[in-house]
Protein backbone atom coordinates (compact mmCIF):
# COMPACT_ATOMS: atom_id res chain seq x y z
CA UNK A 1 110.70 136.02 71.38
CA UNK A 2 107.40 135.22 69.70
CA UNK A 3 105.50 132.53 71.58
CA UNK A 4 103.67 129.69 69.78
CA UNK A 5 99.88 129.60 69.42
CA UNK A 6 99.79 133.44 69.59
CA UNK A 7 100.30 133.33 73.35
CA UNK A 8 101.13 136.60 75.12
CA UNK A 9 103.94 136.73 77.73
CA UNK A 10 101.58 136.50 80.72
CA UNK A 11 100.01 133.35 79.29
CA UNK A 12 103.46 131.91 78.57
CA UNK A 13 104.67 132.49 82.14
CA UNK A 14 101.53 130.90 83.58
CA UNK A 15 101.83 127.86 81.32
CA UNK A 16 105.54 127.48 82.16
CA UNK A 17 104.70 127.36 85.87
CA UNK A 18 101.86 124.91 85.13
CA UNK A 19 104.31 122.67 83.25
CA UNK A 20 106.64 122.43 86.24
CA UNK A 21 103.74 121.65 88.62
CA UNK A 22 102.26 118.99 86.32
CA UNK A 23 105.69 117.43 85.66
CA UNK A 24 106.24 117.27 89.43
CA UNK A 25 102.96 115.33 89.82
CA UNK A 26 103.97 113.02 86.95
CA UNK A 27 107.38 112.42 88.57
CA UNK A 28 105.70 111.68 91.89
CA UNK A 29 102.72 109.56 90.82
CA UNK A 30 103.38 108.42 87.23
CA UNK A 31 100.23 110.03 85.82
CA UNK A 32 98.11 113.18 85.88
CA UNK A 33 100.34 115.41 83.73
CA UNK A 34 97.96 115.72 80.77
CA UNK A 35 94.84 116.21 82.88
CA UNK A 36 96.50 118.90 85.04
CA UNK A 37 97.98 120.83 82.11
CA UNK A 38 94.70 120.78 80.17
CA UNK A 39 92.85 121.97 83.25
CA UNK A 40 95.29 124.80 84.01
CA UNK A 41 95.77 125.81 80.38
CA UNK A 42 92.02 126.19 79.97
CA UNK A 43 92.14 129.04 82.50
CA UNK A 44 94.15 131.23 80.10
CA UNK A 45 93.67 129.82 76.59
CA UNK A 46 91.98 127.15 74.47
CA UNK A 47 93.77 123.94 75.54
CA UNK A 48 92.83 121.80 72.53
CA UNK A 49 95.72 122.91 70.25
CA UNK A 50 98.06 122.10 73.13
CA UNK A 51 97.02 118.44 73.47
CA UNK A 52 99.56 117.11 70.92
CA UNK A 53 102.28 119.15 72.67
CA UNK A 54 101.21 117.69 76.00
CA UNK A 55 101.46 114.16 74.64
CA UNK A 56 104.93 114.89 73.25
CA UNK A 57 105.89 116.19 76.70
CA UNK A 58 104.67 112.93 78.27
CA UNK A 59 106.97 111.01 75.94
CA UNK A 60 109.87 113.36 76.63
CA UNK A 61 109.51 112.98 80.39
CA UNK A 62 109.88 109.23 80.08
CA UNK A 63 113.43 109.81 78.85
CA UNK A 64 114.19 111.49 82.18
CA UNK A 65 112.64 108.62 84.17
CA UNK A 66 113.54 105.53 82.13
CA UNK A 67 116.58 104.44 84.12
CA UNK A 68 114.74 104.41 87.45
CA UNK A 69 111.48 102.79 86.35
CA UNK A 70 112.45 99.97 83.97
CA UNK A 71 113.12 97.35 86.69
CA UNK A 72 109.57 97.84 88.02
CA UNK A 73 107.57 97.76 84.78
CA UNK A 74 105.09 94.89 84.37
CA UNK A 75 105.32 94.41 80.63
CA UNK A 76 102.39 91.99 80.41
CA UNK A 77 100.06 94.69 81.77
CA UNK A 78 101.51 97.29 79.43
CA UNK A 79 101.04 95.07 76.37
CA UNK A 80 97.41 94.21 77.22
CA UNK A 81 96.60 97.87 77.91
CA UNK A 82 98.20 99.02 74.65
CA UNK A 83 96.41 96.37 72.61
CA UNK A 84 93.09 97.61 73.97
CA UNK A 85 94.08 101.23 73.39
CA UNK A 86 95.08 100.54 69.79
CA UNK A 87 91.49 99.54 69.04
CA UNK A 88 90.02 102.71 70.54
CA UNK A 89 92.49 105.49 69.73
CA UNK A 90 91.78 105.86 66.01
CA UNK A 91 87.97 106.12 66.10
CA UNK A 92 87.95 108.20 69.30
CA UNK A 93 90.26 110.91 67.90
CA UNK A 94 88.16 111.08 64.74
CA UNK A 95 85.02 111.34 66.86
CA UNK A 96 86.49 114.06 69.08
CA UNK A 97 87.24 116.15 66.01
CA UNK A 98 83.48 116.25 65.36
CA UNK A 99 82.15 116.67 68.92
CA UNK A 100 82.17 119.39 71.54
CA UNK A 101 85.33 118.62 73.57
CA UNK A 102 83.70 119.92 76.77
CA UNK A 103 80.95 117.33 76.44
CA UNK A 104 83.48 114.56 75.96
CA UNK A 105 85.56 115.75 78.92
CA UNK A 106 82.62 115.99 81.33
CA UNK A 107 81.45 112.46 80.49
CA UNK A 108 84.93 111.11 81.17
CA UNK A 109 85.29 113.21 84.33
CA UNK A 110 81.98 111.94 85.70
CA UNK A 111 83.01 108.33 85.08
CA UNK A 112 86.34 108.90 86.83
CA UNK A 113 84.57 110.63 89.72
CA UNK A 114 82.32 107.60 90.23
CA UNK A 115 85.39 105.33 90.23
CA UNK A 116 87.18 107.66 92.66
CA UNK A 117 84.25 107.67 95.07
CA UNK A 118 84.19 103.88 94.95
CA UNK A 119 87.90 103.83 95.81
CA UNK A 120 87.36 106.28 98.67
CA UNK A 121 84.66 103.99 100.04
CA UNK A 122 87.23 101.20 100.26
CA UNK A 123 86.33 99.35 97.07
CA UNK A 124 88.98 96.98 95.81
CA UNK A 125 89.18 94.03 93.44
CA UNK A 126 91.09 92.27 96.21
CA UNK A 127 93.53 90.82 93.73
CA UNK A 128 95.65 91.74 90.74
CA UNK A 129 93.46 91.72 87.61
CA UNK A 130 94.50 89.60 84.62
CA UNK A 131 95.07 90.31 80.94
CA UNK A 132 91.39 90.59 79.98
CA UNK A 133 90.77 93.32 82.55
CA UNK A 134 93.85 95.22 81.39
CA UNK A 135 92.75 94.89 77.77
CA UNK A 136 89.30 96.33 78.50
CA UNK A 137 90.84 99.13 80.55
CA UNK A 138 93.11 99.90 77.62
CA UNK A 139 90.06 100.37 75.41
CA UNK A 140 88.61 102.84 77.92
CA UNK A 141 91.91 104.69 78.27
CA UNK A 142 92.35 104.87 74.50
CA UNK A 143 88.92 106.43 74.12
CA UNK A 144 89.54 108.92 76.94
CA UNK A 145 92.98 109.87 75.65
CA UNK A 146 91.49 111.73 72.70
CA UNK A 147 90.45 114.29 75.32
CA UNK A 148 93.81 114.06 77.09
CA UNK A 149 92.68 112.11 80.16
CA UNK A 150 93.40 108.48 79.28
CA UNK A 151 95.81 108.17 82.20
CA UNK A 152 93.03 108.78 84.72
CA UNK A 153 91.15 105.70 83.52
CA UNK A 154 94.18 103.42 83.90
CA UNK A 155 95.14 104.99 87.25
CA UNK A 156 91.67 104.39 88.68
CA UNK A 157 91.81 100.76 87.51
CA UNK A 158 95.25 100.19 89.04
CA UNK A 159 94.23 101.85 92.31
CA UNK A 160 91.59 99.20 92.90
CA UNK A 161 94.26 96.47 92.91
CA UNK A 162 96.97 95.54 95.44
CA UNK A 163 99.83 96.85 93.28
CA UNK A 164 103.09 98.12 94.77
CA UNK A 165 103.72 101.85 94.40
CA UNK A 166 106.88 101.41 92.32
CA UNK A 167 105.11 98.99 89.96
CA UNK A 168 102.06 101.27 89.69
CA UNK A 169 104.17 104.30 88.84
CA UNK A 170 106.52 102.57 86.40
CA UNK A 171 103.80 100.67 84.55
CA UNK A 172 101.66 103.80 84.24
CA UNK A 173 104.57 105.79 82.81
CA UNK A 174 105.41 103.20 80.15
CA UNK A 175 101.76 102.64 79.24
CA UNK A 176 101.05 106.37 78.88
CA UNK A 177 104.17 106.76 76.74
CA UNK A 178 103.00 104.02 74.39
CA UNK A 179 99.47 105.43 74.34
CA UNK A 180 100.71 108.90 73.41
CA UNK A 181 103.01 107.49 70.72
CA UNK A 182 99.94 105.85 69.16
CA UNK A 183 97.75 108.94 69.53
CA UNK A 184 100.12 111.58 68.10
CA UNK A 185 100.20 110.29 64.49
CA UNK A 186 96.41 110.06 64.48
CA UNK A 187 96.18 113.67 65.64
CA UNK A 188 98.67 114.65 62.95
CA UNK A 189 96.53 112.95 60.32
CA UNK A 190 93.59 115.10 61.45
CA UNK A 191 95.63 118.29 61.11
CA UNK A 192 96.08 118.86 64.85
CA UNK A 193 99.91 119.15 64.76
CA UNK A 194 101.83 122.05 63.24
CA UNK A 195 105.05 124.11 63.55
CA UNK A 196 103.80 125.78 66.74
CA UNK A 197 103.50 122.33 68.32
CA UNK A 198 107.21 121.64 67.75
CA UNK A 199 108.25 125.07 69.05
CA UNK A 200 106.14 124.68 72.18
CA UNK A 201 107.67 121.27 72.95
CA UNK A 202 111.22 122.58 72.60
CA UNK A 203 110.44 125.44 74.99
CA UNK A 204 108.80 123.07 77.47
CA UNK A 205 111.50 120.37 77.53
CA UNK A 206 113.87 121.84 80.17
CA UNK A 207 110.92 122.71 82.43
CA UNK A 208 109.79 119.08 82.25
CA UNK A 209 113.19 117.90 83.48
CA UNK A 210 113.00 120.17 86.53
CA UNK A 211 109.49 119.05 87.46
CA UNK A 212 110.17 115.33 87.00
CA UNK A 213 113.38 115.54 89.04
CA UNK A 214 111.56 117.17 91.97
CA UNK A 215 108.69 114.67 91.72
CA UNK A 216 111.06 111.70 91.70
CA UNK A 217 112.65 112.96 94.91
CA UNK A 218 109.16 113.12 96.43
CA UNK A 219 108.36 109.56 95.34
CA UNK A 220 111.52 108.22 96.97
CA UNK A 221 110.27 109.58 100.31
CA UNK A 222 106.60 108.52 100.25
CA UNK A 223 105.23 105.36 101.87
CA UNK A 224 103.12 102.72 100.09
CA UNK A 225 99.93 103.66 101.96
CA UNK A 226 100.43 107.39 101.47
CA UNK A 227 101.10 106.83 97.77
CA UNK A 228 97.73 105.10 97.31
CA UNK A 229 95.97 107.91 99.20
CA UNK A 230 97.73 110.44 97.00
CA UNK A 231 96.58 108.66 93.82
CA UNK A 232 92.95 108.50 94.95
CA UNK A 233 93.04 112.15 96.06
CA UNK A 234 94.41 113.20 92.66
CA UNK A 235 91.78 111.21 90.79
CA UNK A 236 88.96 112.64 92.88
CA UNK A 237 90.21 116.23 92.78
CA UNK A 238 90.85 116.25 89.02
CA UNK A 239 87.43 114.71 88.33
CA UNK A 240 85.55 117.20 90.50
CA UNK A 241 87.44 120.19 89.08
CA UNK A 242 86.87 119.07 85.48
CA UNK A 243 83.15 118.57 86.09
CA UNK A 244 82.82 121.92 87.87
CA UNK A 245 84.75 123.75 85.16
CA UNK A 246 82.48 122.53 82.37
CA UNK A 247 79.25 123.06 84.34
CA UNK A 248 80.16 126.52 85.62
């Protein structure tokens, strides 16, 4: 079988394993899939052509999780985040097409790292932030999503608030799904989606189901405090690794 994007079998096997790992993290935490896949894919190939596939995978995984998360979604947050993202997605994708993606990614990673270090120090808003804060965060996430890491911005913002784990996870999943639905057509308009993108998604789909199922089992067994520590650890680790990868 000929693999999409001219991948050789060894690359395909590595990316298949990476898909399961990233889907597990998404099933467990509600975010991180795109950032992890882009990071791992960059070890064996150019990850940029894969970004539309990754977004389609994010949307596909929501189908596996919808039944369990819908009762916990805070739709007001989702709407404010998506309104902010809608402003930023279109110009940011156009800008990314003209810039060095490594430069964009390191700027975003450094910002997330600063936020993560603040969270590790015990920083917290002390309350649940209102619509204006969610709207502004949506703008930041929409800009960052052109490089595939919009979820990290929203996750850092949510982590600084006293939000229940189930609400955090469910709201993140629905927001990221909406964000990716907005971003994909823009990428298509810039010629970033082709037949290989569709083939890659169809190959990935069953692997996503396995990873999400395992991650959902993990979420059902984790405590509220351990969930927040997990989120902050993921944010910090992904930021440091992304910065180190670009610098080195």
